[in-house]
Amino acid sequence: MANGAGAMPVLIDKVAWIRLEDGRVLSTRSRGKDAYYFPGGKREAGESDAETLAREITEELTVAILPETVALLGTYEAQAHGHPEGTVVRMTCYTGDYRGTLTASGEIEEVVWLSYADRDRVSPVDRLIFDDLRATGRLT
C-alpha cells in the first residue's frame, strides 16, 4: 500500500532455553540491556532448532546442552522489547539438561535465577512464559 497503512509486521524468530531449578528459572542480561531475557538466539542459515539452541547456549553460558534431553516447551509471540511497535518476537522454547558450569560469556553481563516475583524485570514475551510456568506450578 502506497500510504504505508498496511505495512507488514516484522518478525524476529528465536529459540530459547528454559532451565528451571528449585522453582526458579534461569535468565540472562546482556551488556547494556535493561531487561532479562531467556538464553538463546536467532538461527543461522540451515540450522535446526536443536543446533541453534546448542550453539547459542554454549556461546552465552559456556555449557553444553545434552541433545537427548531437549524437549519442546512451547512457542510464544509478543511485541519485541526495545523494538518499534509492530515488531514481534516469536520464541520457540525448549527445556533440557546441560553439562558444565554456567558462566556468563562476553556478551552476557549477568546470569540470574528468577522467580515469578521478578516478572516485571523480563521482556514481554518472557512474561508470557513466566505466566505459563506459574500456571503449571513450575515457577514459584
N, C-alpha and C. Protein backbone atom coordinates (compact mmCIF):
# COMPACT_ATOMS: atom_id res chain seq x y z
N MET A 1 0.83 -1.17 0.00
CA MET A 1 0.00 0.00 0.00
C MET A 1 0.88 1.24 0.00
N ALA A 2 0.57 2.15 -0.83
CA ALA A 2 1.39 3.33 -1.01
C ALA A 2 1.42 4.22 0.22
N ASN A 3 0.33 4.24 1.01
CA ASN A 3 0.28 5.14 2.16
C ASN A 3 0.94 4.56 3.40
N GLY A 4 1.43 3.37 3.31
CA GLY A 4 2.12 2.75 4.43
C GLY A 4 1.17 2.18 5.46
N ALA A 5 -0.14 2.28 5.24
CA ALA A 5 -1.13 1.78 6.21
C ALA A 5 -1.15 0.27 6.32
N GLY A 6 -0.73 -0.54 5.73
CA GLY A 6 -0.79 -1.98 5.89
C GLY A 6 0.58 -2.59 5.87
N ALA A 7 1.51 -1.85 6.46
CA ALA A 7 2.89 -2.36 6.50
C ALA A 7 2.92 -3.73 7.17
N MET A 8 3.72 -4.58 6.62
CA MET A 8 3.86 -5.93 7.17
C MET A 8 4.61 -5.85 8.50
N PRO A 9 4.12 -6.57 9.50
CA PRO A 9 4.86 -6.59 10.76
C PRO A 9 6.21 -7.29 10.59
N VAL A 10 7.16 -6.89 11.39
CA VAL A 10 8.48 -7.51 11.38
C VAL A 10 8.46 -8.64 12.39
N LEU A 11 9.00 -9.81 12.02
CA LEU A 11 9.03 -10.96 12.90
C LEU A 11 10.48 -11.33 13.20
N ILE A 12 10.79 -11.43 14.49
CA ILE A 12 12.10 -11.90 14.94
C ILE A 12 11.87 -13.33 15.44
N ASP A 13 12.53 -14.28 14.81
CA ASP A 13 12.33 -15.69 15.13
C ASP A 13 13.49 -16.19 15.97
N LYS A 14 13.22 -16.61 17.20
CA LYS A 14 14.28 -17.00 18.13
C LYS A 14 13.99 -18.36 18.75
N VAL A 15 15.05 -18.96 19.28
CA VAL A 15 14.97 -20.20 20.04
C VAL A 15 15.51 -19.88 21.44
N ALA A 16 14.83 -20.40 22.48
CA ALA A 16 15.26 -20.09 23.85
C ALA A 16 15.31 -21.35 24.70
N TRP A 17 16.18 -21.29 25.71
CA TRP A 17 16.35 -22.38 26.67
C TRP A 17 15.65 -21.98 27.96
N ILE A 18 14.74 -22.83 28.41
CA ILE A 18 14.04 -22.61 29.67
C ILE A 18 14.58 -23.64 30.66
N ARG A 19 15.39 -23.17 31.58
CA ARG A 19 16.02 -24.05 32.58
C ARG A 19 15.44 -23.72 33.95
N LEU A 20 14.72 -24.67 34.52
CA LEU A 20 14.10 -24.50 35.82
C LEU A 20 14.83 -25.32 36.87
N GLU A 21 15.07 -24.71 38.02
CA GLU A 21 15.66 -25.41 39.15
C GLU A 21 15.08 -24.81 40.43
N ASP A 22 14.56 -25.66 41.29
CA ASP A 22 14.04 -25.25 42.59
C ASP A 22 13.01 -24.11 42.48
N GLY A 23 12.14 -24.20 41.49
CA GLY A 23 11.07 -23.21 41.34
C GLY A 23 11.51 -21.88 40.77
N ARG A 24 12.73 -21.81 40.29
CA ARG A 24 13.25 -20.58 39.67
C ARG A 24 13.68 -20.90 38.24
N VAL A 25 13.76 -19.85 37.42
CA VAL A 25 14.12 -20.04 36.02
C VAL A 25 15.38 -19.22 35.69
N LEU A 26 16.24 -19.83 34.92
CA LEU A 26 17.49 -19.18 34.52
C LEU A 26 17.22 -18.05 33.54
N SER A 27 17.86 -16.93 33.76
CA SER A 27 17.72 -15.80 32.84
C SER A 27 19.05 -15.07 32.75
N THR A 28 19.17 -14.23 31.72
CA THR A 28 20.42 -13.51 31.49
C THR A 28 20.12 -12.05 31.15
N ARG A 29 21.12 -11.22 31.37
CA ARG A 29 21.03 -9.83 30.93
C ARG A 29 22.28 -9.52 30.12
N SER A 30 22.05 -9.10 28.89
CA SER A 30 23.17 -8.75 28.00
C SER A 30 23.71 -7.39 28.38
N ARG A 31 24.96 -7.15 28.02
CA ARG A 31 25.59 -5.85 28.29
C ARG A 31 24.77 -4.73 27.68
N GLY A 32 24.51 -3.69 28.47
CA GLY A 32 23.80 -2.52 28.00
C GLY A 32 22.29 -2.67 27.94
N LYS A 33 21.75 -3.80 28.34
CA LYS A 33 20.29 -4.01 28.29
C LYS A 33 19.68 -3.76 29.66
N ASP A 34 18.40 -3.41 29.68
CA ASP A 34 17.73 -3.12 30.94
C ASP A 34 16.76 -4.21 31.37
N ALA A 35 16.62 -5.26 30.58
CA ALA A 35 15.70 -6.34 30.91
C ALA A 35 16.45 -7.67 30.86
N TYR A 36 15.87 -8.65 31.52
CA TYR A 36 16.40 -10.01 31.48
C TYR A 36 15.71 -10.78 30.36
N TYR A 37 16.45 -11.68 29.76
CA TYR A 37 15.96 -12.50 28.66
C TYR A 37 16.35 -13.95 28.90
N PHE A 38 15.50 -14.87 28.42
CA PHE A 38 15.90 -16.27 28.46
C PHE A 38 17.06 -16.45 27.50
N PRO A 39 18.04 -17.28 27.86
CA PRO A 39 19.17 -17.50 26.97
C PRO A 39 18.72 -18.16 25.67
N GLY A 40 19.40 -17.81 24.59
CA GLY A 40 19.08 -18.35 23.27
C GLY A 40 19.37 -17.31 22.21
N GLY A 41 18.79 -17.49 21.03
CA GLY A 41 19.04 -16.52 19.97
C GLY A 41 18.46 -16.95 18.65
N LYS A 42 18.93 -16.27 17.61
CA LYS A 42 18.43 -16.49 16.25
C LYS A 42 19.19 -17.61 15.56
N ARG A 43 18.47 -18.29 14.67
CA ARG A 43 19.07 -19.36 13.87
C ARG A 43 20.05 -18.79 12.86
N GLU A 44 21.09 -19.56 12.59
CA GLU A 44 21.95 -19.26 11.45
C GLU A 44 21.44 -20.10 10.29
N ALA A 45 21.81 -19.74 9.08
CA ALA A 45 21.31 -20.41 7.88
C ALA A 45 21.48 -21.92 7.98
N GLY A 46 20.40 -22.64 7.76
CA GLY A 46 20.44 -24.09 7.72
C GLY A 46 20.41 -24.79 9.07
N GLU A 47 20.37 -24.03 10.16
CA GLU A 47 20.38 -24.64 11.49
C GLU A 47 18.99 -25.13 11.89
N SER A 48 18.95 -26.26 12.59
CA SER A 48 17.72 -26.72 13.22
C SER A 48 17.56 -25.98 14.55
N ASP A 49 16.39 -26.11 15.16
CA ASP A 49 16.19 -25.51 16.48
C ASP A 49 17.21 -26.07 17.47
N ALA A 50 17.41 -27.39 17.45
CA ALA A 50 18.34 -28.02 18.40
C ALA A 50 19.76 -27.51 18.20
N GLU A 51 20.17 -27.34 16.95
CA GLU A 51 21.52 -26.83 16.66
C GLU A 51 21.66 -25.38 17.12
N THR A 52 20.62 -24.58 16.88
CA THR A 52 20.64 -23.18 17.32
C THR A 52 20.74 -23.12 18.84
N LEU A 53 19.91 -23.91 19.51
CA LEU A 53 19.91 -23.93 20.96
C LEU A 53 21.29 -24.29 21.51
N ALA A 54 21.86 -25.36 20.99
CA ALA A 54 23.18 -25.80 21.47
C ALA A 54 24.24 -24.72 21.24
N ARG A 55 24.28 -24.14 20.06
CA ARG A 55 25.28 -23.12 19.74
C ARG A 55 25.11 -21.88 20.62
N GLU A 56 23.89 -21.37 20.70
CA GLU A 56 23.64 -20.14 21.45
C GLU A 56 23.95 -20.32 22.94
N ILE A 57 23.57 -21.46 23.51
CA ILE A 57 23.79 -21.67 24.93
C ILE A 57 25.29 -21.82 25.23
N THR A 58 26.00 -22.49 24.35
CA THR A 58 27.45 -22.57 24.52
C THR A 58 28.09 -21.19 24.41
N GLU A 59 27.64 -20.38 23.42
CA GLU A 59 28.18 -19.03 23.25
C GLU A 59 27.89 -18.14 24.45
N GLU A 60 26.67 -18.22 24.98
CA GLU A 60 26.26 -17.30 26.05
C GLU A 60 26.66 -17.75 27.44
N LEU A 61 26.62 -19.08 27.68
CA LEU A 61 26.76 -19.57 29.05
C LEU A 61 27.86 -20.62 29.23
N THR A 62 28.59 -20.92 28.18
CA THR A 62 29.75 -21.83 28.19
C THR A 62 29.43 -23.25 28.67
N VAL A 63 28.18 -23.69 28.53
CA VAL A 63 27.82 -25.07 28.87
C VAL A 63 27.34 -25.79 27.61
N ALA A 64 27.30 -27.11 27.67
CA ALA A 64 26.84 -27.93 26.55
C ALA A 64 25.46 -28.48 26.85
N ILE A 65 24.50 -28.20 25.98
CA ILE A 65 23.16 -28.78 26.09
C ILE A 65 23.28 -30.26 25.73
N LEU A 66 22.62 -31.12 26.49
CA LEU A 66 22.62 -32.55 26.20
C LEU A 66 21.45 -32.83 25.25
N PRO A 67 21.76 -33.08 23.96
CA PRO A 67 20.71 -33.16 22.93
C PRO A 67 19.60 -34.16 23.24
N GLU A 68 19.95 -35.27 23.89
CA GLU A 68 18.94 -36.30 24.16
C GLU A 68 17.92 -35.87 25.21
N THR A 69 18.17 -34.75 25.91
CA THR A 69 17.26 -34.28 26.96
C THR A 69 16.39 -33.10 26.50
N VAL A 70 16.62 -32.59 25.30
CA VAL A 70 15.91 -31.40 24.82
C VAL A 70 14.45 -31.75 24.51
N ALA A 71 13.52 -30.93 25.05
CA ALA A 71 12.09 -31.14 24.82
C ALA A 71 11.41 -29.79 24.58
N LEU A 72 10.48 -29.75 23.65
CA LEU A 72 9.74 -28.53 23.34
C LEU A 72 8.85 -28.14 24.50
N LEU A 73 8.94 -26.89 24.93
CA LEU A 73 8.06 -26.35 25.96
C LEU A 73 6.86 -25.66 25.31
N GLY A 74 7.13 -24.89 24.25
CA GLY A 74 6.06 -24.16 23.57
C GLY A 74 6.62 -23.02 22.75
N THR A 75 5.73 -22.38 21.99
CA THR A 75 6.10 -21.23 21.17
C THR A 75 5.24 -20.05 21.60
N TYR A 76 5.88 -18.89 21.77
CA TYR A 76 5.22 -17.70 22.30
C TYR A 76 5.53 -16.52 21.39
N GLU A 77 4.58 -15.59 21.28
CA GLU A 77 4.78 -14.37 20.48
C GLU A 77 4.34 -13.16 21.27
N ALA A 78 5.11 -12.07 21.14
CA ALA A 78 4.77 -10.80 21.79
C ALA A 78 5.54 -9.67 21.11
N GLN A 79 5.16 -8.44 21.42
CA GLN A 79 5.90 -7.28 20.96
C GLN A 79 7.36 -7.44 21.41
N ALA A 80 8.29 -7.19 20.49
CA ALA A 80 9.72 -7.32 20.80
C ALA A 80 10.18 -6.16 21.67
N HIS A 81 10.81 -6.48 22.79
CA HIS A 81 11.31 -5.48 23.73
C HIS A 81 12.39 -4.62 23.06
N GLY A 82 12.23 -3.30 23.16
CA GLY A 82 13.25 -2.40 22.63
C GLY A 82 13.20 -2.22 21.12
N HIS A 83 12.14 -2.70 20.45
CA HIS A 83 11.99 -2.56 19.01
C HIS A 83 10.74 -1.73 18.71
N PRO A 84 10.65 -1.18 17.49
CA PRO A 84 9.47 -0.38 17.14
C PRO A 84 8.18 -1.18 17.25
N GLU A 85 7.08 -0.49 17.57
CA GLU A 85 5.76 -1.12 17.66
C GLU A 85 5.48 -1.91 16.39
N GLY A 86 4.96 -3.10 16.54
CA GLY A 86 4.68 -3.95 15.38
C GLY A 86 5.78 -4.97 15.11
N THR A 87 6.91 -4.82 15.81
CA THR A 87 7.97 -5.82 15.69
C THR A 87 7.67 -6.92 16.70
N VAL A 88 7.44 -8.12 16.20
CA VAL A 88 7.03 -9.24 17.03
C VAL A 88 8.18 -10.24 17.16
N VAL A 89 8.36 -10.75 18.37
CA VAL A 89 9.32 -11.84 18.56
C VAL A 89 8.52 -13.12 18.72
N ARG A 90 8.94 -14.14 17.98
CA ARG A 90 8.38 -15.49 18.14
C ARG A 90 9.47 -16.34 18.76
N MET A 91 9.21 -16.86 19.95
CA MET A 91 10.23 -17.61 20.66
C MET A 91 9.77 -19.05 20.84
N THR A 92 10.53 -19.95 20.24
CA THR A 92 10.29 -21.38 20.40
C THR A 92 11.18 -21.84 21.55
N CYS A 93 10.54 -22.34 22.61
CA CYS A 93 11.24 -22.61 23.87
C CYS A 93 11.42 -24.10 24.11
N TYR A 94 12.59 -24.43 24.59
CA TYR A 94 12.95 -25.82 24.89
C TYR A 94 13.52 -25.93 26.29
N THR A 95 13.25 -27.06 26.92
CA THR A 95 13.91 -27.40 28.17
C THR A 95 15.02 -28.38 27.83
N GLY A 96 15.87 -28.65 28.78
CA GLY A 96 16.95 -29.62 28.54
C GLY A 96 18.02 -29.51 29.61
N ASP A 97 18.73 -30.60 29.77
CA ASP A 97 19.83 -30.64 30.73
C ASP A 97 21.12 -30.18 30.07
N TYR A 98 22.11 -29.93 30.89
CA TYR A 98 23.40 -29.43 30.38
C TYR A 98 24.55 -30.04 31.13
N ARG A 99 25.72 -29.90 30.53
CA ARG A 99 26.98 -30.33 31.14
C ARG A 99 27.88 -29.11 31.22
N GLY A 100 28.53 -28.94 32.37
CA GLY A 100 29.44 -27.81 32.53
C GLY A 100 28.99 -26.90 33.65
N THR A 101 29.65 -25.76 33.76
CA THR A 101 29.35 -24.77 34.78
C THR A 101 28.82 -23.52 34.10
N LEU A 102 27.64 -23.08 34.50
CA LEU A 102 27.04 -21.87 33.91
C LEU A 102 27.94 -20.67 34.20
N THR A 103 28.43 -20.06 33.13
CA THR A 103 29.33 -18.92 33.23
C THR A 103 28.95 -17.91 32.15
N ALA A 104 28.81 -16.65 32.54
CA ALA A 104 28.47 -15.61 31.56
C ALA A 104 29.62 -15.44 30.57
N SER A 105 29.28 -15.37 29.28
CA SER A 105 30.29 -15.14 28.25
C SER A 105 30.46 -13.64 28.05
N GLY A 106 31.21 -13.27 27.03
CA GLY A 106 31.48 -11.86 26.76
C GLY A 106 30.25 -11.01 26.52
N GLU A 107 29.22 -11.56 25.88
CA GLU A 107 28.03 -10.75 25.57
C GLU A 107 27.04 -10.69 26.73
N ILE A 108 27.20 -11.56 27.72
CA ILE A 108 26.28 -11.63 28.85
C ILE A 108 26.92 -10.97 30.06
N GLU A 109 26.18 -10.01 30.65
CA GLU A 109 26.70 -9.31 31.82
C GLU A 109 26.30 -9.99 33.12
N GLU A 110 25.13 -10.64 33.11
CA GLU A 110 24.62 -11.19 34.37
C GLU A 110 23.81 -12.46 34.10
N VAL A 111 24.02 -13.47 34.93
CA VAL A 111 23.25 -14.71 34.90
C VAL A 111 22.53 -14.79 36.24
N VAL A 112 21.19 -14.95 36.20
CA VAL A 112 20.39 -14.93 37.42
C VAL A 112 19.35 -16.05 37.40
N TRP A 113 18.86 -16.40 38.58
CA TRP A 113 17.73 -17.32 38.74
C TRP A 113 16.57 -16.47 39.23
N LEU A 114 15.49 -16.42 38.46
CA LEU A 114 14.36 -15.56 38.76
C LEU A 114 13.15 -16.36 39.21
N SER A 115 12.33 -15.72 40.06
CA SER A 115 11.06 -16.29 40.48
C SER A 115 9.94 -15.47 39.82
N TYR A 116 8.70 -15.87 40.05
CA TYR A 116 7.58 -15.15 39.44
C TYR A 116 7.53 -13.69 39.91
N ALA A 117 8.05 -13.42 41.09
CA ALA A 117 8.08 -12.04 41.60
C ALA A 117 8.93 -11.12 40.73
N ASP A 118 9.81 -11.70 39.92
CA ASP A 118 10.70 -10.93 39.04
C ASP A 118 10.09 -10.68 37.66
N ARG A 119 8.83 -11.05 37.46
CA ARG A 119 8.19 -11.00 36.14
C ARG A 119 8.32 -9.63 35.47
N ASP A 120 8.25 -8.55 36.25
CA ASP A 120 8.32 -7.21 35.66
C ASP A 120 9.73 -6.82 35.20
N ARG A 121 10.71 -7.69 35.44
CA ARG A 121 12.10 -7.40 35.06
C ARG A 121 12.48 -8.05 33.72
N VAL A 122 11.54 -8.79 33.10
CA VAL A 122 11.84 -9.53 31.88
C VAL A 122 11.09 -8.94 30.69
N SER A 123 11.47 -9.37 29.49
CA SER A 123 10.85 -8.88 28.25
C SER A 123 9.40 -9.34 28.15
N PRO A 124 8.60 -8.67 27.30
CA PRO A 124 7.17 -9.04 27.17
C PRO A 124 6.94 -10.51 26.81
N VAL A 125 7.72 -11.07 25.89
CA VAL A 125 7.50 -12.48 25.54
C VAL A 125 7.88 -13.39 26.70
N ASP A 126 8.91 -13.03 27.45
CA ASP A 126 9.30 -13.83 28.61
C ASP A 126 8.19 -13.80 29.67
N ARG A 127 7.45 -12.69 29.78
CA ARG A 127 6.35 -12.60 30.75
C ARG A 127 5.27 -13.65 30.45
N LEU A 128 5.00 -13.88 29.17
CA LEU A 128 4.03 -14.91 28.79
C LEU A 128 4.48 -16.28 29.27
N ILE A 129 5.77 -16.54 29.14
CA ILE A 129 6.34 -17.81 29.57
C ILE A 129 6.31 -17.91 31.09
N PHE A 130 6.63 -16.82 31.78
CA PHE A 130 6.55 -16.79 33.25
C PHE A 130 5.13 -17.17 33.67
N ASP A 131 4.11 -16.60 33.00
CA ASP A 131 2.72 -16.89 33.35
C ASP A 131 2.40 -18.37 33.16
N ASP A 132 2.84 -18.96 32.05
CA ASP A 132 2.61 -20.39 31.81
C ASP A 132 3.32 -21.25 32.85
N LEU A 133 4.57 -20.91 33.15
CA LEU A 133 5.32 -21.68 34.13
C LEU A 133 4.68 -21.59 35.51
N ARG A 134 4.14 -20.43 35.85
CA ARG A 134 3.45 -20.24 37.14
C ARG A 134 2.15 -21.05 37.16
N ALA A 135 1.40 -21.00 36.04
CA ALA A 135 0.10 -21.69 35.97
C ALA A 135 0.26 -23.20 36.09
N THR A 136 1.41 -23.73 35.65
CA THR A 136 1.65 -25.17 35.72
C THR A 136 2.44 -25.57 36.97
N GLY A 137 2.67 -24.60 37.88
CA GLY A 137 3.30 -24.91 39.15
C GLY A 137 4.81 -25.10 39.10
N ARG A 138 5.44 -24.70 37.98
CA ARG A 138 6.88 -24.90 37.87
C ARG A 138 7.70 -23.69 38.30
N LEU A 139 7.05 -22.51 38.40
CA LEU A 139 7.75 -21.29 38.79
C LEU A 139 7.10 -20.75 40.04
N THR A 140 7.92 -20.54 41.08
CA THR A 140 7.36 -20.08 42.35
C THR A 140 7.42 -18.57 42.46
